[in-house]
């Protein structure tokens, strides 16, 4: 007998070492896809960790949850998770605006995620707002930027990517090379 969504949510909330979390997440996403309204009710009535609830709300990709996810951005402990949830929202213009506002966030993981979202949306001006991240003090941010600049498919990103090829961090250089390869596959 297949587990219910409530059982999967409880299993995810109590997952410890050795639990196949990716499979649980896949099963939850299948429930959400198959019955979004019932899943929404179950997720919103889930009485677990707020970060986990936000992650689950993100799976819903329901426009009704946009403001809830944006509200959670004020809490530094929830900001990354809320941003992940916003990435699934269908209003790409609003998502892009929020992501752009977080490109200078104090948390480098938030900056990296926001850069990916801005790149993925590829809205007008994306390259220009991403360029300052080439000088980010955290190598991870520069590394992610290298990959995402290539995804923009904008030839104007080439000089920045070439500059990242000389970065002191090996991973940044590798991802800049991958970004250039993506850029050249136009």
C-alpha atoms as a PDB file:
ATOM      1  CA  UNK A   1       0.000   0.000   0.000  1.00  0.00           C
ATOM      2  CA  UNK A   2       1.350   3.418  -0.968  1.00  0.00           C
ATOM      3  CA  UNK A   3       1.885   5.986   1.768  1.00  0.00           C
ATOM      4  CA  UNK A   4      -0.412   8.976   2.044  1.00  0.00           C
ATOM      5  CA  UNK A   5       0.846  12.513   1.612  1.00  0.00           C
ATOM      6  CA  UNK A   6       0.502  13.090   5.361  1.00  0.00           C
ATOM      7  CA  UNK A   7       2.665  10.035   6.030  1.00  0.00           C
ATOM      8  CA  UNK A   8       5.277  11.255   3.561  1.00  0.00           C
ATOM      9  CA  UNK A   9       5.297  14.694   5.161  1.00  0.00           C
ATOM     10  CA  UNK A  10       5.813  13.181   8.615  1.00  0.00           C
ATOM     11  CA  UNK A  11       8.573  10.922   7.265  1.00  0.00           C
ATOM     12  CA  UNK A  12      10.334  13.896   5.723  1.00  0.00           C
ATOM     13  CA  UNK A  13       9.989  15.915   8.935  1.00  0.00           C
ATOM     14  CA  UNK A  14      11.565  13.138  11.006  1.00  0.00           C
ATOM     15  CA  UNK A  15      14.112  11.929   8.440  1.00  0.00           C
ATOM     16  CA  UNK A  16      17.381  10.968  10.011  1.00  0.00           C
ATOM     17  CA  UNK A  17      20.571   9.380   8.789  1.00  0.00           C
ATOM     18  CA  UNK A  18      20.023   6.616   6.286  1.00  0.00           C
ATOM     19  CA  UNK A  19      16.644   7.903   5.098  1.00  0.00           C
ATOM     20  CA  UNK A  20      16.328   8.327   1.348  1.00  0.00           C
ATOM     21  CA  UNK A  21      15.216  11.969   1.447  1.00  0.00           C
ATOM     22  CA  UNK A  22      15.381  12.490  -2.347  1.00  0.00           C
ATOM     23  CA  UNK A  23      12.883   9.643  -2.820  1.00  0.00           C
ATOM     24  CA  UNK A  24      10.574  11.139  -0.199  1.00  0.00           C
ATOM     25  CA  UNK A  25      10.768  14.505  -1.950  1.00  0.00           C
ATOM     26  CA  UNK A  26      10.062  12.855  -5.325  1.00  0.00           C
ATOM     27  CA  UNK A  27       7.005  11.107  -3.862  1.00  0.00           C
ATOM     28  CA  UNK A  28       5.743  14.350  -2.326  1.00  0.00           C
ATOM     29  CA  UNK A  29       6.221  16.190  -5.613  1.00  0.00           C
ATOM     30  CA  UNK A  30       4.262  13.429  -7.385  1.00  0.00           C
ATOM     31  CA  UNK A  31       1.376  13.936  -4.948  1.00  0.00           C
ATOM     32  CA  UNK A  32       1.488  17.697  -5.505  1.00  0.00           C
ATOM     33  CA  UNK A  33       1.467  17.257  -9.266  1.00  0.00           C
ATOM     34  CA  UNK A  34      -1.365  14.717  -9.165  1.00  0.00           C
ATOM     35  CA  UNK A  35      -3.643  16.573  -6.760  1.00  0.00           C
ATOM     36  CA  UNK A  36      -2.477  20.134  -6.162  1.00  0.00           C
ATOM     37  CA  UNK A  37      -5.464  21.318  -4.098  1.00  0.00           C
ATOM     38  CA  UNK A  38      -5.493  18.398  -1.669  1.00  0.00           C
ATOM     39  CA  UNK A  39      -1.695  18.642  -1.424  1.00  0.00           C
ATOM     40  CA  UNK A  40      -1.963  22.335  -0.683  1.00  0.00           C
ATOM     41  CA  UNK A  41      -4.358  21.654   2.179  1.00  0.00           C
ATOM     42  CA  UNK A  42      -2.083  18.945   3.614  1.00  0.00           C
ATOM     43  CA  UNK A  43       1.035  21.100   3.339  1.00  0.00           C
ATOM     44  CA  UNK A  44      -0.559  24.163   4.904  1.00  0.00           C
ATOM     45  CA  UNK A  45      -1.919  22.099   7.789  1.00  0.00           C
ATOM     46  CA  UNK A  46       1.452  20.421   8.343  1.00  0.00           C
ATOM     47  CA  UNK A  47       2.610  21.366  11.829  1.00  0.00           C
ATOM     48  CA  UNK A  48       6.332  20.921  11.413  1.00  0.00           C
ATOM     49  CA  UNK A  49       9.402  23.038  11.116  1.00  0.00           C
ATOM     50  CA  UNK A  50       8.702  26.371   9.390  1.00  0.00           C
ATOM     51  CA  UNK A  51      11.653  25.959   7.040  1.00  0.00           C
ATOM     52  CA  UNK A  52      10.385  22.576   5.935  1.00  0.00           C
ATOM     53  CA  UNK A  53       6.876  23.961   5.452  1.00  0.00           C
ATOM     54  CA  UNK A  54       8.268  26.740   3.232  1.00  0.00           C
ATOM     55  CA  UNK A  55      10.164  24.164   1.203  1.00  0.00           C
ATOM     56  CA  UNK A  56       6.951  22.206   0.742  1.00  0.00           C
ATOM     57  CA  UNK A  57       4.982  25.361  -0.132  1.00  0.00           C
ATOM     58  CA  UNK A  58       7.580  25.952  -2.830  1.00  0.00           C
ATOM     59  CA  UNK A  59       6.728  22.573  -4.364  1.00  0.00           C
ATOM     60  CA  UNK A  60       3.155  23.772  -4.841  1.00  0.00           C
ATOM     61  CA  UNK A  61       4.211  26.560  -7.240  1.00  0.00           C
ATOM     62  CA  UNK A  62       0.873  28.181  -6.464  1.00  0.00           C
ATOM     63  CA  UNK A  63       0.605  31.925  -7.142  1.00  0.00           C
ATOM     64  CA  UNK A  64      -1.490  32.267  -3.984  1.00  0.00           C
ATOM     65  CA  UNK A  65       1.682  31.557  -1.986  1.00  0.00           C
ATOM     66  CA  UNK A  66       3.866  34.241  -3.552  1.00  0.00           C
ATOM     67  CA  UNK A  67       3.356  36.787  -0.772  1.00  0.00           C
ATOM     68  CA  UNK A  68       3.909  34.195   1.964  1.00  0.00           C
ATOM     69  CA  UNK A  69       7.246  33.251   0.441  1.00  0.00           C
ATOM     70  CA  UNK A  70       8.248  36.905   0.033  1.00  0.00           C
ATOM     71  CA  UNK A  71       7.297  37.581   3.667  1.00  0.00           C
ATOM     72  CA  UNK A  72       9.605  34.796   4.797  1.00  0.00           C
ATOM     73  CA  UNK A  73      12.564  36.516   3.137  1.00  0.00           C
ATOM     74  CA  UNK A  74      12.855  38.886   6.106  1.00  0.00           C
ATOM     75  CA  UNK A  75      14.013  36.008   8.316  1.00  0.00           C
ATOM     76  CA  UNK A  76      17.673  35.230   7.558  1.00  0.00           C
ATOM     77  CA  UNK A  77      17.147  31.621   8.723  1.00  0.00           C
ATOM     78  CA  UNK A  78      14.360  31.121   6.157  1.00  0.00           C
ATOM     79  CA  UNK A  79      15.568  33.383   3.343  1.00  0.00           C
ATOM     80  CA  UNK A  80      17.284  30.722   1.218  1.00  0.00           C
ATOM     81  CA  UNK A  81      14.375  28.282   1.524  1.00  0.00           C
ATOM     82  CA  UNK A  82      11.836  30.976   0.696  1.00  0.00           C
ATOM     83  CA  UNK A  83      13.898  32.000  -2.308  1.00  0.00           C
ATOM     84  CA  UNK A  84      13.964  28.382  -3.491  1.00  0.00           C
ATOM     85  CA  UNK A  85      10.180  28.314  -3.244  1.00  0.00           C
ATOM     86  CA  UNK A  86       9.893  31.533  -5.209  1.00  0.00           C
ATOM     87  CA  UNK A  87      11.919  29.964  -8.016  1.00  0.00           C
ATOM     88  CA  UNK A  88       8.917  27.727  -8.716  1.00  0.00           C
ATOM     89  CA  UNK A  89       6.426  30.571  -8.895  1.00  0.00           C
ATOM     90  CA  UNK A  90       4.913  31.192 -12.341  1.00  0.00           C
ATOM     91  CA  UNK A  91       5.088  35.023 -12.273  1.00  0.00           C
ATOM     92  CA  UNK A  92       8.605  35.323 -13.692  1.00  0.00           C
ATOM     93  CA  UNK A  93       8.589  39.118 -13.647  1.00  0.00           C
ATOM     94  CA  UNK A  94       7.870  39.304  -9.909  1.00  0.00           C
ATOM     95  CA  UNK A  95      10.261  36.442  -9.160  1.00  0.00           C
ATOM     96  CA  UNK A  96      12.999  38.209 -11.112  1.00  0.00           C
ATOM     97  CA  UNK A  97      12.430  41.451  -9.207  1.00  0.00           C
ATOM     98  CA  UNK A  98      12.737  39.665  -5.862  1.00  0.00           C
ATOM     99  CA  UNK A  99      15.821  37.731  -6.977  1.00  0.00           C
ATOM    100  CA  UNK A 100      17.506  40.923  -8.184  1.00  0.00           C
ATOM    101  CA  UNK A 101      16.860  42.526  -4.814  1.00  0.00           C
ATOM    102  CA  UNK A 102      18.840  39.729  -3.139  1.00  0.00           C
ATOM    103  CA  UNK A 103      21.965  39.810  -5.305  1.00  0.00           C
ATOM    104  CA  UNK A 104      23.742  41.736  -2.538  1.00  0.00           C
ATOM    105  CA  UNK A 105      22.368  39.682   0.368  1.00  0.00           C
ATOM    106  CA  UNK A 106      24.831  39.054   3.221  1.00  0.00           C
ATOM    107  CA  UNK A 107      24.421  35.270   2.761  1.00  0.00           C
ATOM    108  CA  UNK A 108      26.531  33.993  -0.151  1.00  0.00           C
ATOM    109  CA  UNK A 109      24.170  31.059  -0.721  1.00  0.00           C
ATOM    110  CA  UNK A 110      21.285  33.493  -1.149  1.00  0.00           C
ATOM    111  CA  UNK A 111      23.363  35.587  -3.564  1.00  0.00           C
ATOM    112  CA  UNK A 112      24.198  32.424  -5.540  1.00  0.00           C
ATOM    113  CA  UNK A 113      20.586  31.275  -5.684  1.00  0.00           C
ATOM    114  CA  UNK A 114      19.394  34.744  -6.659  1.00  0.00           C
ATOM    115  CA  UNK A 115      22.002  34.874  -9.445  1.00  0.00           C
ATOM    116  CA  UNK A 116      20.751  31.568 -10.796  1.00  0.00           C
ATOM    117  CA  UNK A 117      17.171  32.780 -10.746  1.00  0.00           C
ATOM    118  CA  UNK A 118      18.021  36.037 -12.517  1.00  0.00           C
ATOM    119  CA  UNK A 119      19.991  34.104 -15.104  1.00  0.00           C
ATOM    120  CA  UNK A 120      17.277  31.515 -15.605  1.00  0.00           C
ATOM    121  CA  UNK A 121      14.648  34.191 -16.146  1.00  0.00           C
ATOM    122  CA  UNK A 122      16.954  36.032 -18.566  1.00  0.00           C
ATOM    123  CA  UNK A 123      14.818  39.141 -18.347  1.00  0.00           C
ATOM    124  CA  UNK A 124      16.072  42.431 -19.810  1.00  0.00           C
ATOM    125  CA  UNK A 125      19.084  43.764 -17.938  1.00  0.00           C
ATOM    126  CA  UNK A 126      19.963  40.401 -16.383  1.00  0.00           C
ATOM    127  CA  UNK A 127      23.594  40.546 -17.446  1.00  0.00           C
ATOM    128  CA  UNK A 128      24.069  44.047 -16.111  1.00  0.00           C
ATOM    129  CA  UNK A 129      22.759  43.221 -12.636  1.00  0.00           C
ATOM    130  CA  UNK A 130      24.817  40.014 -12.462  1.00  0.00           C
ATOM    131  CA  UNK A 131      28.163  41.563 -13.462  1.00  0.00           C
ATOM    132  CA  UNK A 132      29.042  42.934  -9.987  1.00  0.00           C
ATOM    133  CA  UNK A 133      29.050  39.364  -8.645  1.00  0.00           C
ATOM    134  CA  UNK A 134      32.235  38.706 -10.639  1.00  0.00           C
ATOM    135  CA  UNK A 135      33.990  40.583  -7.829  1.00  0.00           C
ATOM    136  CA  UNK A 136      32.169  38.816  -4.996  1.00  0.00           C
ATOM    137  CA  UNK A 137      34.517  37.943  -2.116  1.00  0.00           C
ATOM    138  CA  UNK A 138      33.113  34.394  -1.886  1.00  0.00           C
ATOM    139  CA  UNK A 139      34.451  31.944  -4.496  1.00  0.00           C
ATOM    140  CA  UNK A 140      31.211  29.941  -4.526  1.00  0.00           C
ATOM    141  CA  UNK A 141      29.276  32.990  -5.724  1.00  0.00           C
ATOM    142  CA  UNK A 142      31.786  33.658  -8.502  1.00  0.00           C
ATOM    143  CA  UNK A 143      31.718  29.967  -9.449  1.00  0.00           C
ATOM    144  CA  UNK A 144      27.923  29.905  -9.769  1.00  0.00           C
ATOM    145  CA  UNK A 145      28.054  33.175 -11.680  1.00  0.00           C
ATOM    146  CA  UNK A 146      30.446  31.671 -14.236  1.00  0.00           C
ATOM    147  CA  UNK A 147      28.023  28.871 -14.989  1.00  0.00           C
ATOM    148  CA  UNK A 148      24.969  31.119 -15.157  1.00  0.00           C
ATOM    149  CA  UNK A 149      26.538  33.813 -17.313  1.00  0.00           C
ATOM    150  CA  UNK A 150      27.052  31.172 -19.985  1.00  0.00           C
ATOM    151  CA  UNK A 151      23.390  30.259 -19.722  1.00  0.00           C
ATOM    152  CA  UNK A 152      22.336  33.780 -20.609  1.00  0.00           C
ATOM    153  CA  UNK A 153      23.631  33.213 -24.145  1.00  0.00           C
ATOM    154  CA  UNK A 154      24.616  36.881 -24.293  1.00  0.00           C
ATOM    155  CA  UNK A 155      27.952  37.493 -26.041  1.00  0.00           C
ATOM    156  CA  UNK A 156      28.462  40.537 -23.809  1.00  0.00           C
ATOM    157  CA  UNK A 157      29.152  38.091 -20.943  1.00  0.00           C
ATOM    158  CA  UNK A 158      32.268  36.753 -22.664  1.00  0.00           C
ATOM    159  CA  UNK A 159      34.759  39.324 -21.263  1.00  0.00           C
ATOM    160  CA  UNK A 160      33.569  38.648 -17.713  1.00  0.00           C
ATOM    161  CA  UNK A 161      33.808  34.900 -18.221  1.00  0.00           C
ATOM    162  CA  UNK A 162      37.310  35.305 -19.657  1.00  0.00           C
ATOM    163  CA  UNK A 163      38.217  37.349 -16.590  1.00  0.00           C
ATOM    164  CA  UNK A 164      36.931  34.579 -14.331  1.00  0.00           C
ATOM    165  CA  UNK A 165      39.247  32.147 -16.141  1.00  0.00           C
ATOM    166  CA  UNK A 166      42.094  33.817 -14.242  1.00  0.00           C
ATOM    167  CA  UNK A 167      40.370  33.743 -10.844  1.00  0.00           C
ATOM    168  CA  UNK A 168      42.578  32.543  -7.971  1.00  0.00           C
ATOM    169  CA  UNK A 169      40.034  29.814  -7.146  1.00  0.00           C
ATOM    170  CA  UNK A 170      40.259  26.635  -9.224  1.00  0.00           C
ATOM    171  CA  UNK A 171      36.499  25.922  -9.077  1.00  0.00           C
ATOM    172  CA  UNK A 172      35.710  29.429 -10.286  1.00  0.00           C
ATOM    173  CA  UNK A 173      38.053  28.902 -13.243  1.00  0.00           C
ATOM    174  CA  UNK A 174      36.441  25.532 -14.059  1.00  0.00           C
ATOM    175  CA  UNK A 175      32.931  26.938 -13.991  1.00  0.00           C
ATOM    176  CA  UNK A 176      33.971  29.977 -16.023  1.00  0.00           C
ATOM    177  CA  UNK A 177      35.286  27.568 -18.676  1.00  0.00           C
ATOM    178  CA  UNK A 178      31.998  25.678 -18.563  1.00  0.00           C
ATOM    179  CA  UNK A 179      30.116  28.963 -18.812  1.00  0.00           C
ATOM    180  CA  UNK A 180      32.132  29.912 -21.896  1.00  0.00           C
ATOM    181  CA  UNK A 181      31.351  26.525 -23.428  1.00  0.00           C
ATOM    182  CA  UNK A 182      27.647  27.115 -22.782  1.00  0.00           C
ATOM    183  CA  UNK A 183      27.890  30.588 -24.262  1.00  0.00           C
ATOM    184  CA  UNK A 184      29.571  29.250 -27.378  1.00  0.00           C
ATOM    185  CA  UNK A 185      26.869  26.611 -27.959  1.00  0.00           C
ATOM    186  CA  UNK A 186      24.439  29.277 -29.113  1.00  0.00           C
END
